[in-house]
Structure formats: structure tokens, C-alpha cells
Amino acid sequence: MAEEWQTSSVPRRTWLDQKVDALLEELAASGMHLDRRHAGELITDRVRAVAALMRVTAPTARKDLDDETIRDMARRMLFEFAAEQPGADLLEVPRTIQMPLVLVGIIVAALAEAMQVRAANEPSDRLGDVVATYGQVLSGLGQITAEAASSQAGNPATAMFPPALLRRAARYISNAADLAASGGNLPDGIPEATRDELAAALRRDADRLITISTDA
């Protein structure tokens, strides 16, 4: 009887869960990562758009969104985010943007905060993916900074970075700002009263990175 209860208590995977998996797997195959909440919102918006266009109900529209259609969505997203060079080794691409190391420190701190926000909004079995996704960018920033400190004797207070790495960092931070601003879970230890302040700080850091990488 106990085994029966345990089996029936396992949450059933929904249609949206399955489509989110398909979208994230296609993106991850090219080195791009998206949190499940944003992926779900994109798919839900697509269902609504199809339903409105065909003048049918949402359940009927879902029948037209098979896994191949979801993979096509992912491929279009990869095209839109081509500036982030999905799948490329960002430590090997040209470094054309000069940044003060003080700003690098601010961005590293923002990414760490963003990682905590996203982790607070992901199921426990996805936390490893969250750490890996943000950890790769943090590692890249750290390695480039360390190289600059040891090789740029003339101007050790700055470092050269690839635009794609900065744009990817900006998107991760911006997504976390959206989560915080839209009522997502906050990390343990972050008071609810500071939600708006956290979202604004993350948005400010993301906008700064976007400006730097776009103007280069």
C-alpha cells in the first residue's frame, strides 16, 4: 500500500514539461542555455499565437506544436542569438572589448547573484544545469582576467574580452532580473522588501554589459 501511494504521488509530466525539455535540449546541443520558466513562457506564447491565428482553442493549437516544431523554435532562437556564438569556445574567439577590472568584478558579482535567483526558480533536479551554465561564464571571465593580470604589464587594470562572452553574461543577468521583477522566488536570505532593488541592480549591470558589447 505504501508503494502504491509513493507511485501515485509522483507528479505527472505535462505536455508543457515535455515541450520545454525538447526546446532546452536543442538549445543546449549548441551551447545555449535558457531557464525552464522562460522556455515555458515562450512555448505558451506560441500556443496562444497559433490558437488566435487558427481561431481554435489552446488544446487544439497544441496538436500543431510537435517536437520538430519546438526544435525549429530553438533553431530560430539560435539564429537570433548568433552574436553570443552558441557552441563556440569563448576563450578562443577574438577579444576586442577592453574592460576595467573593477567592472569585471561587478559583473562577476552580478552573475553570482543571477545564478542564485535562477537556482531558486528551478526544480532540484535541474540545479546542476544551472551551476554548469553560469559556472562556464564565470570561469571564462576569471581565466581571461587572470591572463590579463599576468601578461598586460603596461595596463594591468584592464582586460580584453570577447563580445560574445559579455553578451551571454548580459542575457543571464537580464533573465534573472526579469525573474526577480515578475515575482519569481528569491534566494534564501534575500528579504522580499529588497526584491525591486535586486531586480533594478541586475538590470543596470545587464544594460551596462549590453551597451559595452554593442558599441564595440
C-alpha atoms as a PDB file:
ATOM      1  CA  MET A   1       0.000   0.000   0.000  1.00  0.00           C
ATOM      2  CA  ALA A   2       2.872   2.343   0.863  1.00  0.00           C
ATOM      3  CA  GLU A   3       4.499   1.596  -2.503  1.00  0.00           C
ATOM      4  CA  GLU A   4       1.220   2.306  -4.253  1.00  0.00           C
ATOM      5  CA  TRP A   5       0.938   5.693  -2.550  1.00  0.00           C
ATOM      6  CA  GLN A   6       4.531   6.617  -3.396  1.00  0.00           C
ATOM      7  CA  THR A   7       4.000   5.761  -7.052  1.00  0.00           C
ATOM      8  CA  SER A   8       0.795   7.753  -7.334  1.00  0.00           C
ATOM      9  CA  SER A   9       2.347  10.753  -5.552  1.00  0.00           C
ATOM     10  CA  VAL A  10       4.902  11.290  -8.332  1.00  0.00           C
ATOM     11  CA  PRO A  11       3.828  14.419 -10.282  1.00  0.00           C
ATOM     12  CA  ARG A  12       2.693  13.664 -13.830  1.00  0.00           C
ATOM     13  CA  ARG A  13       4.708  15.339 -16.543  1.00  0.00           C
ATOM     14  CA  THR A  14       2.578  17.753 -18.524  1.00  0.00           C
ATOM     15  CA  TRP A  15       2.573  18.496 -22.243  1.00  0.00           C
ATOM     16  CA  LEU A  16       4.397  21.745 -21.470  1.00  0.00           C
ATOM     17  CA  ASP A  17       7.073  19.923 -19.440  1.00  0.00           C
ATOM     18  CA  GLN A  18       7.810  17.685 -22.420  1.00  0.00           C
ATOM     19  CA  LYS A  19       7.990  20.575 -24.888  1.00  0.00           C
ATOM     20  CA  VAL A  20      10.227  22.594 -22.569  1.00  0.00           C
ATOM     21  CA  ASP A  21      12.578  19.591 -22.435  1.00  0.00           C
ATOM     22  CA  ALA A  22      12.684  19.436 -26.242  1.00  0.00           C
ATOM     23  CA  LEU A  23      13.388  23.162 -26.553  1.00  0.00           C
ATOM     24  CA  LEU A  24      16.134  23.160 -23.909  1.00  0.00           C
ATOM     25  CA  GLU A  25      17.802  20.049 -25.339  1.00  0.00           C
ATOM     26  CA  GLU A  26      18.003  21.604 -28.806  1.00  0.00           C
ATOM     27  CA  LEU A  27      19.465  24.836 -27.404  1.00  0.00           C
ATOM     28  CA  ALA A  28      21.919  23.007 -25.138  1.00  0.00           C
ATOM     29  CA  ALA A  29      23.233  20.996 -28.104  1.00  0.00           C
ATOM     30  CA  SER A  30      24.601  24.292 -29.474  1.00  0.00           C
ATOM     31  CA  GLY A  31      25.880  25.558 -26.141  1.00  0.00           C
ATOM     32  CA  MET A  32      22.974  27.894 -25.350  1.00  0.00           C
ATOM     33  CA  HIS A  33      21.030  27.622 -22.108  1.00  0.00           C
ATOM     34  CA  LEU A  34      17.662  29.025 -21.027  1.00  0.00           C
ATOM     35  CA  ASP A  35      15.830  28.627 -17.730  1.00  0.00           C
ATOM     36  CA  ARG A  36      12.696  26.491 -17.735  1.00  0.00           C
ATOM     37  CA  ARG A  37      10.393  29.353 -16.765  1.00  0.00           C
ATOM     38  CA  HIS A  38      11.349  31.466 -19.779  1.00  0.00           C
ATOM     39  CA  ALA A  39      11.207  28.418 -22.048  1.00  0.00           C
ATOM     40  CA  GLY A  40       7.698  27.636 -20.815  1.00  0.00           C
ATOM     41  CA  GLU A  41       6.576  31.214 -21.394  1.00  0.00           C
ATOM     42  CA  LEU A  42       7.906  31.160 -24.968  1.00  0.00           C
ATOM     43  CA  ILE A  43       6.055  27.949 -25.759  1.00  0.00           C
ATOM     44  CA  THR A  44       2.860  29.172 -24.085  1.00  0.00           C
ATOM     45  CA  ASP A  45       3.018  32.388 -26.120  1.00  0.00           C
ATOM     46  CA  ARG A  46       3.444  30.321 -29.270  1.00  0.00           C
ATOM     47  CA  VAL A  47       0.358  28.248 -28.386  1.00  0.00           C
ATOM     48  CA  ARG A  48      -1.685  31.414 -27.879  1.00  0.00           C
ATOM     49  CA  ALA A  49      -0.485  32.868 -31.177  1.00  0.00           C
ATOM     50  CA  VAL A  50      -1.361  29.684 -33.097  1.00  0.00           C
ATOM     51  CA  ALA A  51      -4.763  29.495 -31.384  1.00  0.00           C
ATOM     52  CA  ALA A  52      -5.549  33.106 -32.278  1.00  0.00           C
ATOM     53  CA  LEU A  53      -4.377  32.709 -35.876  1.00  0.00           C
ATOM     54  CA  MET A  54      -6.332  29.485 -36.456  1.00  0.00           C
ATOM     55  CA  ARG A  55      -9.288  30.572 -34.287  1.00  0.00           C
ATOM     56  CA  VAL A  56      -9.126  27.393 -32.250  1.00  0.00           C
ATOM     57  CA  THR A  57      -8.743  26.549 -28.591  1.00  0.00           C
ATOM     58  CA  ALA A  58      -5.339  26.242 -26.913  1.00  0.00           C
ATOM     59  CA  PRO A  59      -5.607  22.411 -26.602  1.00  0.00           C
ATOM     60  CA  THR A  60      -6.263  22.192 -30.347  1.00  0.00           C
ATOM     61  CA  ALA A  61      -3.325  24.516 -31.096  1.00  0.00           C
ATOM     62  CA  ARG A  62      -1.026  22.314 -29.048  1.00  0.00           C
ATOM     63  CA  LYS A  63      -1.572  19.471 -31.512  1.00  0.00           C
ATOM     64  CA  ASP A  64       0.280  21.517 -34.157  1.00  0.00           C
ATOM     65  CA  LEU A  65       3.282  22.034 -31.871  1.00  0.00           C
ATOM     66  CA  ASP A  66       5.089  18.730 -32.125  1.00  0.00           C
ATOM     67  CA  ASP A  67       8.716  18.216 -31.110  1.00  0.00           C
ATOM     68  CA  GLU A  68      10.018  19.142 -34.569  1.00  0.00           C
ATOM     69  CA  THR A  69       8.163  22.473 -34.419  1.00  0.00           C
ATOM     70  CA  ILE A  70       9.682  23.126 -31.000  1.00  0.00           C
ATOM     71  CA  ARG A  71      13.134  22.317 -32.356  1.00  0.00           C
ATOM     72  CA  ASP A  72      12.520  24.815 -35.164  1.00  0.00           C
ATOM     73  CA  MET A  73      11.757  27.421 -32.499  1.00  0.00           C
ATOM     74  CA  ALA A  74      15.074  26.635 -30.866  1.00  0.00           C
ATOM     75  CA  ARG A  75      16.958  26.961 -34.148  1.00  0.00           C
ATOM     76  CA  ARG A  76      15.387  30.374 -34.777  1.00  0.00           C
ATOM     77  CA  MET A  77      16.433  31.456 -31.290  1.00  0.00           C
ATOM     78  CA  LEU A  78      19.988  30.327 -32.001  1.00  0.00           C
ATOM     79  CA  PHE A  79      19.971  32.491 -35.126  1.00  0.00           C
ATOM     80  CA  GLU A  80      18.684  35.473 -33.154  1.00  0.00           C
ATOM     81  CA  PHE A  81      21.390  34.971 -30.526  1.00  0.00           C
ATOM     82  CA  ALA A  82      24.152  34.425 -33.085  1.00  0.00           C
ATOM     83  CA  ALA A  83      26.134  37.296 -31.536  1.00  0.00           C
ATOM     84  CA  GLU A  84      26.667  35.060 -28.488  1.00  0.00           C
ATOM     85  CA  GLN A  85      28.337  32.484 -30.775  1.00  0.00           C
ATOM     86  CA  PRO A  86      26.486  29.433 -29.406  1.00  0.00           C
ATOM     87  CA  GLY A  87      28.688  26.346 -29.361  1.00  0.00           C
ATOM     88  CA  ALA A  88      31.964  28.278 -29.738  1.00  0.00           C
ATOM     89  CA  ASP A  89      34.845  28.097 -27.270  1.00  0.00           C
ATOM     90  CA  LEU A  90      34.607  31.659 -25.972  1.00  0.00           C
ATOM     91  CA  LEU A  91      38.166  31.537 -24.623  1.00  0.00           C
ATOM     92  CA  GLU A  92      39.459  31.101 -28.173  1.00  0.00           C
ATOM     93  CA  VAL A  93      37.441  33.735 -30.070  1.00  0.00           C
ATOM     94  CA  PRO A  94      38.875  37.254 -30.636  1.00  0.00           C
ATOM     95  CA  ARG A  95      38.899  39.548 -27.617  1.00  0.00           C
ATOM     96  CA  THR A  96      38.026  43.028 -28.840  1.00  0.00           C
ATOM     97  CA  ILE A  97      36.404  44.765 -25.859  1.00  0.00           C
ATOM     98  CA  GLN A  98      38.562  46.391 -23.192  1.00  0.00           C
ATOM     99  CA  MET A  99      37.038  46.448 -19.718  1.00  0.00           C
ATOM    100  CA  PRO A 100      38.345  47.828 -16.414  1.00  0.00           C
ATOM    101  CA  LEU A 101      38.938  45.050 -13.919  1.00  0.00           C
ATOM    102  CA  VAL A 102      36.778  46.951 -11.430  1.00  0.00           C
ATOM    103  CA  LEU A 103      33.818  46.481 -13.791  1.00  0.00           C
ATOM    104  CA  VAL A 104      34.740  42.819 -14.271  1.00  0.00           C
ATOM    105  CA  GLY A 105      34.419  42.375 -10.518  1.00  0.00           C
ATOM    106  CA  ILE A 106      30.964  43.966 -10.565  1.00  0.00           C
ATOM    107  CA  ILE A 107      29.851  41.666 -13.393  1.00  0.00           C
ATOM    108  CA  VAL A 108      31.168  38.561 -11.633  1.00  0.00           C
ATOM    109  CA  ALA A 109      29.185  39.540  -8.526  1.00  0.00           C
ATOM    110  CA  ALA A 110      26.070  40.169 -10.651  1.00  0.00           C
ATOM    111  CA  LEU A 111      26.397  36.764 -12.297  1.00  0.00           C
ATOM    112  CA  ALA A 112      26.716  35.087  -8.914  1.00  0.00           C
ATOM    113  CA  GLU A 113      23.528  36.844  -7.754  1.00  0.00           C
ATOM    114  CA  ALA A 114      21.784  35.931 -11.000  1.00  0.00           C
ATOM    115  CA  MET A 115      22.762  32.289 -10.581  1.00  0.00           C
ATOM    116  CA  GLN A 116      21.188  32.246  -7.113  1.00  0.00           C
ATOM    117  CA  VAL A 117      17.959  33.784  -8.434  1.00  0.00           C
ATOM    118  CA  ARG A 118      17.685  31.283 -11.238  1.00  0.00           C
ATOM    119  CA  ALA A 119      18.518  28.357  -8.921  1.00  0.00           C
ATOM    120  CA  ALA A 120      15.686  29.448  -6.617  1.00  0.00           C
ATOM    121  CA  ASN A 121      13.272  29.094  -9.554  1.00  0.00           C
ATOM    122  CA  GLU A 122      14.396  25.726 -10.911  1.00  0.00           C
ATOM    123  CA  PRO A 123      13.428  22.202  -9.755  1.00  0.00           C
ATOM    124  CA  SER A 124      16.086  20.442  -7.687  1.00  0.00           C
ATOM    125  CA  ASP A 125      16.999  18.031 -10.477  1.00  0.00           C
ATOM    126  CA  ARG A 126      17.986  20.984 -12.697  1.00  0.00           C
ATOM    127  CA  LEU A 127      20.328  22.711 -10.261  1.00  0.00           C
ATOM    128  CA  GLY A 128      23.350  21.008 -11.778  1.00  0.00           C
ATOM    129  CA  ASP A 129      22.494  22.554 -15.167  1.00  0.00           C
ATOM    130  CA  VAL A 130      22.150  25.990 -13.562  1.00  0.00           C
ATOM    131  CA  VAL A 131      25.564  25.752 -11.904  1.00  0.00           C
ATOM    132  CA  ALA A 132      27.174  24.486 -15.124  1.00  0.00           C
ATOM    133  CA  THR A 133      25.595  27.230 -17.253  1.00  0.00           C
ATOM    134  CA  TYR A 134      26.599  30.153 -15.065  1.00  0.00           C
ATOM    135  CA  GLY A 135      29.833  28.495 -13.986  1.00  0.00           C
ATOM    136  CA  GLN A 136      31.115  28.399 -17.565  1.00  0.00           C
ATOM    137  CA  VAL A 137      30.707  32.163 -17.949  1.00  0.00           C
ATOM    138  CA  LEU A 138      32.167  32.888 -14.505  1.00  0.00           C
ATOM    139  CA  SER A 139      35.105  30.634 -15.291  1.00  0.00           C
ATOM    140  CA  GLY A 140      35.670  32.364 -18.626  1.00  0.00           C
ATOM    141  CA  LEU A 141      35.680  35.804 -17.013  1.00  0.00           C
ATOM    142  CA  GLY A 142      38.067  34.605 -14.325  1.00  0.00           C
ATOM    143  CA  GLN A 143      40.512  32.930 -16.706  1.00  0.00           C
ATOM    144  CA  ILE A 144      40.691  35.931 -19.027  1.00  0.00           C
ATOM    145  CA  THR A 145      41.167  38.280 -16.074  1.00  0.00           C
ATOM    146  CA  ALA A 146      43.977  36.118 -14.690  1.00  0.00           C
ATOM    147  CA  GLU A 147      45.713  36.036 -18.081  1.00  0.00           C
ATOM    148  CA  ALA A 148      45.433  39.810 -18.385  1.00  0.00           C
ATOM    149  CA  ALA A 149      46.890  40.379 -14.931  1.00  0.00           C
ATOM    150  CA  SER A 150      49.951  38.304 -15.766  1.00  0.00           C
ATOM    151  CA  SER A 151      50.557  39.456 -19.341  1.00  0.00           C
ATOM    152  CA  GLN A 152      49.458  43.109 -19.552  1.00  0.00           C
ATOM    153  CA  ALA A 153      52.218  44.683 -17.550  1.00  0.00           C
ATOM    154  CA  GLY A 154      51.618  48.077 -19.143  1.00  0.00           C
ATOM    155  CA  ASN A 155      47.972  48.334 -18.136  1.00  0.00           C
ATOM    156  CA  PRO A 156      47.067  45.608 -15.629  1.00  0.00           C
ATOM    157  CA  ALA A 157      43.883  47.438 -14.581  1.00  0.00           C
ATOM    158  CA  THR A 158      42.052  46.386 -17.766  1.00  0.00           C
ATOM    159  CA  ALA A 159      41.462  43.198 -19.745  1.00  0.00           C
ATOM    160  CA  MET A 160      40.275  42.367 -23.262  1.00  0.00           C
ATOM    161  CA  PHE A 161      37.133  40.229 -23.579  1.00  0.00           C
ATOM    162  CA  PRO A 162      35.240  38.598 -26.461  1.00  0.00           C
ATOM    163  CA  PRO A 163      31.910  40.360 -27.155  1.00  0.00           C
ATOM    164  CA  ALA A 164      30.072  37.012 -27.245  1.00  0.00           C
ATOM    165  CA  LEU A 165      31.032  36.214 -23.639  1.00  0.00           C
ATOM    166  CA  LEU A 166      29.810  39.603 -22.428  1.00  0.00           C
ATOM    167  CA  ARG A 167      26.540  39.329 -24.353  1.00  0.00           C
ATOM    168  CA  ARG A 168      25.895  35.901 -22.908  1.00  0.00           C
ATOM    169  CA  ALA A 169      26.603  37.185 -19.403  1.00  0.00           C
ATOM    170  CA  ALA A 170      24.244  40.116 -20.027  1.00  0.00           C
ATOM    171  CA  ARG A 171      21.423  37.757 -21.046  1.00  0.00           C
ATOM    172  CA  TYR A 172      21.853  35.576 -17.978  1.00  0.00           C
ATOM    173  CA  ILE A 173      21.810  38.608 -15.687  1.00  0.00           C
ATOM    174  CA  SER A 174      18.847  40.146 -17.544  1.00  0.00           C
ATOM    175  CA  ASN A 175      16.832  36.929 -17.273  1.00  0.00           C
ATOM    176  CA  ALA A 176      17.447  36.860 -13.522  1.00  0.00           C
ATOM    177  CA  ALA A 177      16.320  40.495 -13.277  1.00  0.00           C
ATOM    178  CA  ASP A 178      13.088  39.533 -15.068  1.00  0.00           C
ATOM    179  CA  LEU A 179      12.535  36.631 -12.671  1.00  0.00           C
ATOM    180  CA  ALA A 180      13.021  38.855  -9.635  1.00  0.00           C
ATOM    181  CA  ALA A 181      10.837  41.663 -11.021  1.00  0.00           C
ATOM    182  CA  SER A 182       7.979  39.362 -12.043  1.00  0.00           C
ATOM    183  CA  GLY A 183       7.505  37.707  -8.665  1.00  0.00           C
ATOM    184  CA  GLY A 184       9.831  34.718  -9.030  1.00  0.00           C
ATOM    185  CA  ASN A 185      11.318  33.031  -5.984  1.00  0.00           C
ATOM    186  CA  LEU A 186      14.130  34.912  -4.272  1.00  0.00           C
ATOM    187  CA  PRO A 187      17.241  33.120  -2.966  1.00  0.00           C
ATOM    188  CA  ASP A 188      17.311  32.173   0.707  1.00  0.00           C
ATOM    189  CA  GLY A 189      18.380  35.112   2.831  1.00  0.00           C
ATOM    190  CA  ILE A 190      17.148  37.770   0.389  1.00  0.00           C
ATOM    191  CA  PRO A 191      14.257  39.706   2.026  1.00  0.00           C
ATOM    192  CA  GLU A 192      11.123  40.300  -0.015  1.00  0.00           C
ATOM    193  CA  ALA A 193      11.490  44.010   0.721  1.00  0.00           C
ATOM    194  CA  THR A 194      14.648  44.116  -1.416  1.00  0.00           C
ATOM    195  CA  ARG A 195      13.071  42.477  -4.495  1.00  0.00           C
ATOM    196  CA  ASP A 196      12.769  45.687  -6.524  1.00  0.00           C
ATOM    197  CA  GLU A 197      16.247  46.815  -5.532  1.00  0.00           C
ATOM    198  CA  LEU A 198      17.753  43.469  -6.587  1.00  0.00           C
ATOM    199  CA  ALA A 199      15.915  43.475  -9.911  1.00  0.00           C
ATOM    200  CA  ALA A 200      17.000  47.056 -10.629  1.00  0.00           C
ATOM    201  CA  ALA A 201      20.643  46.343  -9.778  1.00  0.00           C
ATOM    202  CA  LEU A 202      20.730  43.270 -12.015  1.00  0.00           C
ATOM    203  CA  ARG A 203      19.022  45.154 -14.842  1.00  0.00           C
ATOM    204  CA  ARG A 204      21.540  48.004 -14.513  1.00  0.00           C
ATOM    205  CA  ASP A 205      24.508  45.620 -14.750  1.00  0.00           C
ATOM    206  CA  ALA A 206      22.983  43.780 -17.719  1.00  0.00           C
ATOM    207  CA  ASP A 207      22.288  47.047 -19.565  1.00  0.00           C
ATOM    208  CA  ARG A 208      25.843  48.181 -18.955  1.00  0.00           C
ATOM    209  CA  LEU A 209      27.213  44.989 -20.492  1.00  0.00           C
ATOM    210  CA  ILE A 210      24.837  45.233 -23.452  1.00  0.00           C
ATOM    211  CA  THR A 211      25.955  48.815 -24.125  1.00  0.00           C
ATOM    212  CA  ILE A 212      29.642  47.929 -23.919  1.00  0.00           C
ATOM    213  CA  SER A 213      29.377  44.886 -26.169  1.00  0.00           C
ATOM    214  CA  THR A 214      27.091  46.574 -28.716  1.00  0.00           C
ATOM    215  CA  ASP A 215      29.144  49.738 -29.115  1.00  0.00           C
ATOM    216  CA  ALA A 216      32.380  47.785 -29.678  1.00  0.00           C
END
